[in-house]
Amino acid sequence: MKEPIETLTEQERKVASGLAEGDSYQQIADQLGVSINTVRFHIKNIYRKLQVHSKIEVVKRSVRGEL
């Protein structure tokens, strides 16, 4: 049985949404008013929580409505 996915924070959801829309890390940072390193930190947490290893896997989950 697969472990349940941890819930993403609101900020992580915004970052994942930006990824799904094709925004660059810098564009996401500018939209959220944070540094690019903060975006990278959120992406690292998103990957860990969703148990994925690439941006495309995050985008697939977003398209499927799993986020």
PDB file of N, CA and C in Angstrom:
ATOM      1  N   MET A   1       0.838  -1.183   0.000  1.00  0.00           N
ATOM      2  CA  MET A   1       0.000   0.000   0.000  1.00  0.00           C
ATOM      3  C   MET A   1       0.876   1.236   0.000  1.00  0.00           C
ATOM      4  N   LYS A   2       0.564   2.176  -0.862  1.00  0.00           N
ATOM      5  CA  LYS A   2       1.346   3.391  -1.000  1.00  0.00           C
ATOM      6  C   LYS A   2       1.069   4.337   0.174  1.00  0.00           C
ATOM      7  N   GLU A   3       2.144   4.993   0.666  1.00  0.00           N
ATOM      8  CA  GLU A   3       1.984   5.929   1.773  1.00  0.00           C
ATOM      9  C   GLU A   3       1.230   7.168   1.303  1.00  0.00           C
ATOM     10  N   PRO A   4       0.417   7.769   2.174  1.00  0.00           N
ATOM     11  CA  PRO A   4      -0.295   8.979   1.774  1.00  0.00           C
ATOM     12  C   PRO A   4       0.685  10.126   1.531  1.00  0.00           C
ATOM     13  N   ILE A   5       0.356  10.948   0.568  1.00  0.00           N
ATOM     14  CA  ILE A   5       1.186  12.102   0.241  1.00  0.00           C
ATOM     15  C   ILE A   5       0.983  13.179   1.290  1.00  0.00           C
ATOM     16  N   GLU A   6       2.101  13.756   1.740  1.00  0.00           N
ATOM     17  CA  GLU A   6       2.008  14.857   2.696  1.00  0.00           C
ATOM     18  C   GLU A   6       1.332  16.041   2.027  1.00  0.00           C
ATOM     19  N   THR A   7       0.632  16.816   2.805  1.00  0.00           N
ATOM     20  CA  THR A   7      -0.052  17.987   2.300  1.00  0.00           C
ATOM     21  C   THR A   7       0.944  19.098   2.004  1.00  0.00           C
ATOM     22  N   LEU A   8       0.784  19.722   0.832  1.00  0.00           N
ATOM     23  CA  LEU A   8       1.628  20.857   0.481  1.00  0.00           C
ATOM     24  C   LEU A   8       1.116  22.107   1.176  1.00  0.00           C
ATOM     25  N   THR A   9       2.045  22.985   1.541  1.00  0.00           N
ATOM     26  CA  THR A   9       1.651  24.272   2.108  1.00  0.00           C
ATOM     27  C   THR A   9       1.089  25.148   0.985  1.00  0.00           C
ATOM     28  N   GLU A  10       0.455  26.234   1.353  1.00  0.00           N
ATOM     29  CA  GLU A  10      -0.096  27.159   0.360  1.00  0.00           C
ATOM     30  C   GLU A  10       1.003  27.672  -0.559  1.00  0.00           C
ATOM     31  N   GLN A  11       2.143  28.024   0.009  1.00  0.00           N
ATOM     32  CA  GLN A  11       3.264  28.543  -0.786  1.00  0.00           C
ATOM     33  C   GLN A  11       3.798  27.461  -1.736  1.00  0.00           C
ATOM     34  N   GLU A  12       3.884  26.231  -1.256  1.00  0.00           N
ATOM     35  CA  GLU A  12       4.329  25.131  -2.110  1.00  0.00           C
ATOM     36  C   GLU A  12       3.343  24.894  -3.251  1.00  0.00           C
ATOM     37  N   ARG A  13       2.067  25.038  -2.976  1.00  0.00           N
ATOM     38  CA  ARG A  13       1.052  24.896  -4.029  1.00  0.00           C
ATOM     39  C   ARG A  13       1.223  25.970  -5.096  1.00  0.00           C
ATOM     40  N   LYS A  14       1.521  27.195  -4.660  1.00  0.00           N
ATOM     41  CA  LYS A  14       1.744  28.291  -5.610  1.00  0.00           C
ATOM     42  C   LYS A  14       2.969  28.016  -6.477  1.00  0.00           C
ATOM     43  N   VAL A  15       4.030  27.495  -5.865  1.00  0.00           N
ATOM     44  CA  VAL A  15       5.234  27.156  -6.624  1.00  0.00           C
ATOM     45  C   VAL A  15       4.917  26.033  -7.616  1.00  0.00           C
ATOM     46  N   ALA A  16       4.222  24.999  -7.169  1.00  0.00           N
ATOM     47  CA  ALA A  16       3.856  23.888  -8.054  1.00  0.00           C
ATOM     48  C   ALA A  16       2.982  24.371  -9.206  1.00  0.00           C
ATOM     49  N   SER A  17       2.079  25.294  -8.917  1.00  0.00           N
ATOM     50  CA  SER A  17       1.227  25.865  -9.952  1.00  0.00           C
ATOM     51  C   SER A  17       2.063  26.618 -10.980  1.00  0.00           C
ATOM     52  N   GLY A  18       3.031  27.373 -10.505  1.00  0.00           N
ATOM     53  CA  GLY A  18       3.934  28.084 -11.410  1.00  0.00           C
ATOM     54  C   GLY A  18       4.703  27.124 -12.300  1.00  0.00           C
ATOM     55  N   LEU A  19       5.174  26.031 -11.723  1.00  0.00           N
ATOM     56  CA  LEU A  19       5.877  25.014 -12.510  1.00  0.00           C
ATOM     57  C   LEU A  19       4.953  24.447 -13.588  1.00  0.00           C
ATOM     58  N   ALA A  20       3.712  24.153 -13.204  1.00  0.00           N
ATOM     59  CA  ALA A  20       2.741  23.579 -14.137  1.00  0.00           C
ATOM     60  C   ALA A  20       2.416  24.547 -15.272  1.00  0.00           C
ATOM     61  N   GLU A  21       2.502  25.851 -14.985  1.00  0.00           N
ATOM     62  CA  GLU A  21       2.234  26.865 -16.010  1.00  0.00           C
ATOM     63  C   GLU A  21       3.452  27.130 -16.884  1.00  0.00           C
ATOM     64  N   GLY A  22       4.576  26.507 -16.542  1.00  0.00           N
ATOM     65  CA  GLY A  22       5.774  26.671 -17.347  1.00  0.00           C
ATOM     66  C   GLY A  22       6.644  27.852 -16.956  1.00  0.00           C
ATOM     67  N   ASP A  23       6.370  28.446 -15.789  1.00  0.00           N
ATOM     68  CA  ASP A  23       7.161  29.589 -15.331  1.00  0.00           C
ATOM     69  C   ASP A  23       8.553  29.141 -14.910  1.00  0.00           C
ATOM     70  N   SER A  24       9.523  30.030 -15.098  1.00  0.00           N
ATOM     71  CA  SER A  24      10.884  29.756 -14.630  1.00  0.00           C
ATOM     72  C   SER A  24      10.933  29.966 -13.120  1.00  0.00           C
ATOM     73  N   TYR A  25      11.996  29.473 -12.507  1.00  0.00           N
ATOM     74  CA  TYR A  25      12.167  29.673 -11.066  1.00  0.00           C
ATOM     75  C   TYR A  25      12.173  31.169 -10.747  1.00  0.00           C
ATOM     76  N   GLN A  26      12.835  31.962 -11.595  1.00  0.00           N
ATOM     77  CA  GLN A  26      12.909  33.406 -11.358  1.00  0.00           C
ATOM     78  C   GLN A  26      11.528  34.051 -11.475  1.00  0.00           C
ATOM     79  N   GLN A  27      10.739  33.630 -12.447  1.00  0.00           N
ATOM     80  CA  GLN A  27       9.386  34.166 -12.597  1.00  0.00           C
ATOM     81  C   GLN A  27       8.533  33.835 -11.377  1.00  0.00           C
ATOM     82  N   ILE A  28       8.646  32.614 -10.882  1.00  0.00           N
ATOM     83  CA  ILE A  28       7.895  32.207  -9.694  1.00  0.00           C
ATOM     84  C   ILE A  28       8.334  33.049  -8.502  1.00  0.00           C
ATOM     85  N   ALA A  29       9.644  33.231  -8.360  1.00  0.00           N
ATOM     86  CA  ALA A  29      10.169  34.043  -7.256  1.00  0.00           C
ATOM     87  C   ALA A  29       9.624  35.469  -7.326  1.00  0.00           C
ATOM     88  N   ASP A  30       9.626  36.055  -8.505  1.00  0.00           N
ATOM     89  CA  ASP A  30       9.119  37.420  -8.678  1.00  0.00           C
ATOM     90  C   ASP A  30       7.632  37.505  -8.349  1.00  0.00           C
ATOM     91  N   GLN A  31       6.855  36.520  -8.795  1.00  0.00           N
ATOM     92  CA  GLN A  31       5.412  36.516  -8.541  1.00  0.00           C
ATOM     93  C   GLN A  31       5.100  36.404  -7.049  1.00  0.00           C
ATOM     94  N   LEU A  32       5.916  35.626  -6.332  1.00  0.00           N
ATOM     95  CA  LEU A  32       5.664  35.394  -4.910  1.00  0.00           C
ATOM     96  C   LEU A  32       6.396  36.388  -4.010  1.00  0.00           C
ATOM     97  N   GLY A  33       7.273  37.188  -4.603  1.00  0.00           N
ATOM     98  CA  GLY A  33       8.025  38.167  -3.814  1.00  0.00           C
ATOM     99  C   GLY A  33       9.054  37.521  -2.902  1.00  0.00           C
ATOM    100  N   VAL A  34       9.670  36.443  -3.383  1.00  0.00           N
ATOM    101  CA  VAL A  34      10.686  35.732  -2.605  1.00  0.00           C
ATOM    102  C   VAL A  34      11.930  35.568  -3.467  1.00  0.00           C
ATOM    103  N   SER A  35      13.004  35.073  -2.857  1.00  0.00           N
ATOM    104  CA  SER A  35      14.235  34.847  -3.614  1.00  0.00           C
ATOM    105  C   SER A  35      14.145  33.541  -4.396  1.00  0.00           C
ATOM    106  N   ILE A  36      15.002  33.428  -5.394  1.00  0.00           N
ATOM    107  CA  ILE A  36      15.044  32.199  -6.179  1.00  0.00           C
ATOM    108  C   ILE A  36      15.472  31.022  -5.300  1.00  0.00           C
ATOM    109  N   ASN A  37      16.290  31.279  -4.285  1.00  0.00           N
ATOM    110  CA  ASN A  37      16.687  30.204  -3.370  1.00  0.00           C
ATOM    111  C   ASN A  37      15.502  29.702  -2.555  1.00  0.00           C
ATOM    112  N   THR A  38      14.584  30.591  -2.223  1.00  0.00           N
ATOM    113  CA  THR A  38      13.366  30.176  -1.514  1.00  0.00           C
ATOM    114  C   THR A  38      12.519  29.289  -2.414  1.00  0.00           C
ATOM    115  N   VAL A  39      12.434  29.619  -3.686  1.00  0.00           N
ATOM    116  CA  VAL A  39      11.697  28.793  -4.644  1.00  0.00           C
ATOM    117  C   VAL A  39      12.340  27.415  -4.715  1.00  0.00           C
ATOM    118  N   ARG A  40      13.665  27.362  -4.791  1.00  0.00           N
ATOM    119  CA  ARG A  40      14.367  26.072  -4.837  1.00  0.00           C
ATOM    120  C   ARG A  40      14.091  25.251  -3.576  1.00  0.00           C
ATOM    121  N   PHE A  41      14.058  25.933  -2.429  1.00  0.00           N
ATOM    122  CA  PHE A  41      13.750  25.267  -1.162  1.00  0.00           C
ATOM    123  C   PHE A  41      12.362  24.644  -1.210  1.00  0.00           C
ATOM    124  N   HIS A  42      11.381  25.418  -1.703  1.00  0.00           N
ATOM    125  CA  HIS A  42      10.011  24.901  -1.811  1.00  0.00           C
ATOM    126  C   HIS A  42       9.949  23.720  -2.779  1.00  0.00           C
ATOM    127  N   ILE A  43      10.659  23.811  -3.889  1.00  0.00           N
ATOM    128  CA  ILE A  43      10.649  22.725  -4.876  1.00  0.00           C
ATOM    129  C   ILE A  43      11.230  21.455  -4.267  1.00  0.00           C
ATOM    130  N   LYS A  44      12.300  21.599  -3.510  1.00  0.00           N
ATOM    131  CA  LYS A  44      12.897  20.452  -2.834  1.00  0.00           C
ATOM    132  C   LYS A  44      11.869  19.796  -1.906  1.00  0.00           C
ATOM    133  N   ASN A  45      11.125  20.610  -1.158  1.00  0.00           N
ATOM    134  CA  ASN A  45      10.094  20.075  -0.266  1.00  0.00           C
ATOM    135  C   ASN A  45       8.946  19.428  -1.044  1.00  0.00           C
ATOM    136  N   ILE A  46       8.567  20.030  -2.154  1.00  0.00           N
ATOM    137  CA  ILE A  46       7.499  19.477  -3.000  1.00  0.00           C
ATOM    138  C   ILE A  46       7.904  18.085  -3.489  1.00  0.00           C
ATOM    139  N   TYR A  47       9.130  17.965  -4.004  1.00  0.00           N
ATOM    140  CA  TYR A  47       9.611  16.670  -4.487  1.00  0.00           C
ATOM    141  C   TYR A  47       9.567  15.630  -3.379  1.00  0.00           C
ATOM    142  N   ARG A  48      10.028  16.027  -2.184  1.00  0.00           N
ATOM    143  CA  ARG A  48      10.060  15.093  -1.055  1.00  0.00           C
ATOM    144  C   ARG A  48       8.647  14.673  -0.666  1.00  0.00           C
ATOM    145  N   LYS A  49       7.752  15.645  -0.534  1.00  0.00           N
ATOM    146  CA  LYS A  49       6.393  15.351  -0.094  1.00  0.00           C
ATOM    147  C   LYS A  49       5.618  14.522  -1.118  1.00  0.00           C
ATOM    148  N   LEU A  50       5.830  14.802  -2.399  1.00  0.00           N
ATOM    149  CA  LEU A  50       5.110  14.076  -3.450  1.00  0.00           C
ATOM    150  C   LEU A  50       5.824  12.800  -3.860  1.00  0.00           C
ATOM    151  N   GLN A  51       7.024  12.605  -3.329  1.00  0.00           N
ATOM    152  CA  GLN A  51       7.832  11.435  -3.645  1.00  0.00           C
ATOM    153  C   GLN A  51       8.080  11.339  -5.148  1.00  0.00           C
ATOM    154  N   VAL A  52       8.521  12.462  -5.727  1.00  0.00           N
ATOM    155  CA  VAL A  52       8.862  12.534  -7.148  1.00  0.00           C
ATOM    156  C   VAL A  52      10.303  13.011  -7.291  1.00  0.00           C
ATOM    157  N   HIS A  53      10.822  12.936  -8.521  1.00  0.00           N
ATOM    158  CA  HIS A  53      12.215  13.302  -8.754  1.00  0.00           C
ATOM    159  C   HIS A  53      12.407  14.286  -9.894  1.00  0.00           C
ATOM    160  N   SER A  54      11.320  14.808 -10.448  1.00  0.00           N
ATOM    161  CA  SER A  54      11.477  15.746 -11.548  1.00  0.00           C
ATOM    162  C   SER A  54      10.293  16.711 -11.620  1.00  0.00           C
ATOM    163  N   LYS A  55      10.552  17.802 -12.313  1.00  0.00           N
ATOM    164  CA  LYS A  55       9.528  18.825 -12.496  1.00  0.00           C
ATOM    165  C   LYS A  55       8.341  18.274 -13.286  1.00  0.00           C
ATOM    166  N   ILE A  56       8.612  17.434 -14.272  1.00  0.00           N
ATOM    167  CA  ILE A  56       7.529  16.892 -15.094  1.00  0.00           C
ATOM    168  C   ILE A  56       6.574  16.035 -14.271  1.00  0.00           C
ATOM    169  N   GLU A  57       7.096  15.338 -13.267  1.00  0.00           N
ATOM    170  CA  GLU A  57       6.219  14.539 -12.400  1.00  0.00           C
ATOM    171  C   GLU A  57       5.302  15.445 -11.579  1.00  0.00           C
ATOM    172  N   VAL A  58       5.818  16.587 -11.139  1.00  0.00           N
ATOM    173  CA  VAL A  58       4.994  17.559 -10.414  1.00  0.00           C
ATOM    174  C   VAL A  58       3.917  18.097 -11.342  1.00  0.00           C
ATOM    175  N   VAL A  59       4.301  18.425 -12.575  1.00  0.00           N
ATOM    176  CA  VAL A  59       3.340  18.957 -13.549  1.00  0.00           C
ATOM    177  C   VAL A  59       2.255  17.926 -13.837  1.00  0.00           C
ATOM    178  N   LYS A  60       2.630  16.658 -14.011  1.00  0.00           N
ATOM    179  CA  LYS A  60       1.638  15.596 -14.257  1.00  0.00           C
ATOM    180  C   LYS A  60       0.629  15.518 -13.123  1.00  0.00           C
ATOM    181  N   ARG A  61       1.123  15.572 -11.906  1.00  0.00           N
ATOM    182  CA  ARG A  61       0.212  15.491 -10.754  1.00  0.00           C
ATOM    183  C   ARG A  61      -0.711  16.702 -10.711  1.00  0.00           C
ATOM    184  N   SER A  62      -0.165  17.858 -11.047  1.00  0.00           N
ATOM    185  CA  SER A  62      -0.982  19.064 -11.049  1.00  0.00           C
ATOM    186  C   SER A  62      -2.082  18.978 -12.108  1.00  0.00           C
ATOM    187  N   VAL A  63      -1.725  18.502 -13.290  1.00  0.00           N
ATOM    188  CA  VAL A  63      -2.698  18.366 -14.390  1.00  0.00           C
ATOM    189  C   VAL A  63      -3.798  17.385 -14.015  1.00  0.00           C
ATOM    190  N   ARG A  64      -3.432  16.341 -13.284  1.00  0.00           N
ATOM    191  CA  ARG A  64      -4.415  15.332 -12.857  1.00  0.00           C
ATOM    192  C   ARG A  64      -5.263  15.807 -11.679  1.00  0.00           C
ATOM    193  N   GLY A  65      -4.932  16.988 -11.146  1.00  0.00           N
ATOM    194  CA  GLY A  65      -5.688  17.512 -10.010  1.00  0.00           C
ATOM    195  C   GLY A  65      -5.322  16.892  -8.685  1.00  0.00           C
ATOM    196  N   GLU A  66      -4.127  16.358  -8.591  1.00  0.00           N
ATOM    197  CA  GLU A  66      -3.711  15.679  -7.373  1.00  0.00           C
ATOM    198  C   GLU A  66      -3.056  16.611  -6.350  1.00  0.00           C
ATOM    199  N   LEU A  67      -2.912  17.869  -6.683  1.00  0.00           N
ATOM    200  CA  LEU A  67      -2.257  18.791  -5.748  1.00  0.00           C
ATOM    201  C   LEU A  67      -3.270  19.671  -5.051  1.00  0.00           C
TER     202      LEU A  67
END
